[in-house]
Amino acid sequence: MIIKYPFITEKATLSLDKNNTLQFMVDRQANKTQIKDAVEEMYNVKVIKVTTQLTPRGEKKAIVTLSPENSAEEIASRLGVF
């Protein structure tokens, strides 16, 4: 399983509104292409860009930018964030 769970913090929520991005904790072995494909398939959206970073706890976080025709807020509400 590539996508583990959505990563929601105050900063992630601000980025969601401002930059149309979603953040997920992902499998440490997953690459950006695999993450992009998984998000597009799971949520039926078009992904423009994926950025990854390792957290201080050694977990991998993916910041996924959606295309303008897809709303990150809509996906977040489907996930139960709001």
Protein backbone atom coordinates (compact mmCIF):
# COMPACT_ATOMS: atom_id res chain seq x y z
CA MET A 1 0.00 0.00 0.00
CA ILE A 2 1.59 3.24 -1.17
CA ILE A 3 -0.70 5.79 0.53
CA LYS A 4 -0.89 5.18 4.29
CA TYR A 5 -3.08 8.06 5.49
CA PRO A 6 -3.77 11.78 4.94
CA PHE A 7 -1.50 14.10 6.90
CA ILE A 8 -3.49 16.96 8.40
CA THR A 9 -1.95 19.81 10.37
CA GLU A 10 -2.74 23.51 10.52
CA LYS A 11 0.02 24.16 7.99
CA ALA A 12 -1.30 21.39 5.69
CA THR A 13 -4.79 22.90 5.87
CA LEU A 14 -3.49 26.36 4.92
CA SER A 15 -1.59 24.83 2.00
CA LEU A 16 -4.74 22.97 0.98
CA ASP A 17 -6.64 26.27 0.64
CA LYS A 18 -3.81 28.35 -0.82
CA ASN A 19 -1.96 25.92 -3.12
CA ASN A 20 -4.56 23.21 -3.88
CA THR A 21 -2.34 20.56 -2.28
CA LEU A 22 -2.95 17.46 -0.20
CA GLN A 23 -0.45 15.83 2.11
CA PHE A 24 -0.15 12.11 2.75
CA MET A 25 2.09 9.82 4.71
CA VAL A 26 3.34 7.25 2.21
CA ASP A 27 5.38 4.07 2.05
CA ARG A 28 9.05 4.91 2.47
CA GLN A 29 9.99 2.86 -0.61
CA ALA A 30 7.45 4.59 -2.91
CA ASN A 31 8.74 6.93 -5.59
CA LYS A 32 7.02 10.08 -6.87
CA THR A 33 5.55 8.38 -9.94
CA GLN A 34 4.02 5.61 -7.83
CA ILE A 35 2.58 8.18 -5.40
CA LYS A 36 1.14 10.23 -8.29
CA ASP A 37 -0.48 7.17 -9.86
CA ALA A 38 -1.92 6.01 -6.52
CA VAL A 39 -3.48 9.41 -5.71
CA GLU A 40 -4.92 9.77 -9.22
CA GLU A 41 -6.45 6.31 -9.04
CA MET A 42 -7.77 6.57 -5.47
CA TYR A 43 -9.38 10.01 -5.78
CA ASN A 44 -10.00 10.29 -9.54
CA VAL A 45 -8.04 13.56 -9.85
CA LYS A 46 -5.20 14.92 -12.00
CA VAL A 47 -1.92 15.41 -10.14
CA ILE A 48 0.47 18.10 -11.38
CA LYS A 49 3.38 17.64 -8.97
CA VAL A 50 4.54 15.45 -6.10
CA THR A 51 7.14 16.55 -3.55
CA THR A 52 8.42 14.19 -0.88
CA GLN A 53 10.31 14.64 2.35
CA LEU A 54 11.35 12.50 5.26
CA THR A 55 10.04 13.48 8.67
CA PRO A 56 12.27 13.55 11.75
CA ARG A 57 10.58 10.28 12.77
CA GLY A 58 11.81 8.63 9.57
CA GLU A 59 8.42 8.55 7.83
CA LYS A 60 7.92 9.75 4.27
CA LYS A 61 5.49 12.59 3.57
CA ALA A 62 4.19 13.44 0.09
CA ILE A 63 2.85 16.86 -0.84
CA VAL A 64 0.59 16.40 -3.85
CA THR A 65 -0.41 19.40 -5.99
CA LEU A 66 -3.67 18.92 -7.87
CA SER A 67 -4.58 20.48 -11.21
CA PRO A 68 -6.79 23.60 -11.06
CA GLU A 69 -9.90 21.70 -12.22
CA ASN A 70 -9.67 19.47 -9.13
CA SER A 71 -10.42 20.85 -5.67
CA ALA A 72 -8.19 19.73 -2.81
CA GLU A 73 -10.89 20.98 -0.42
CA GLU A 74 -13.43 18.65 -2.00
CA ILE A 75 -11.09 15.66 -1.62
CA ALA A 76 -10.32 16.65 1.97
CA SER A 77 -14.04 16.83 2.80
CA ARG A 78 -14.50 13.35 1.27
CA LEU A 79 -11.70 12.15 3.56
CA GLY A 80 -13.54 13.63 6.54
CA VAL A 81 -10.97 16.34 7.27
CA PHE A 82 -13.59 19.11 7.47
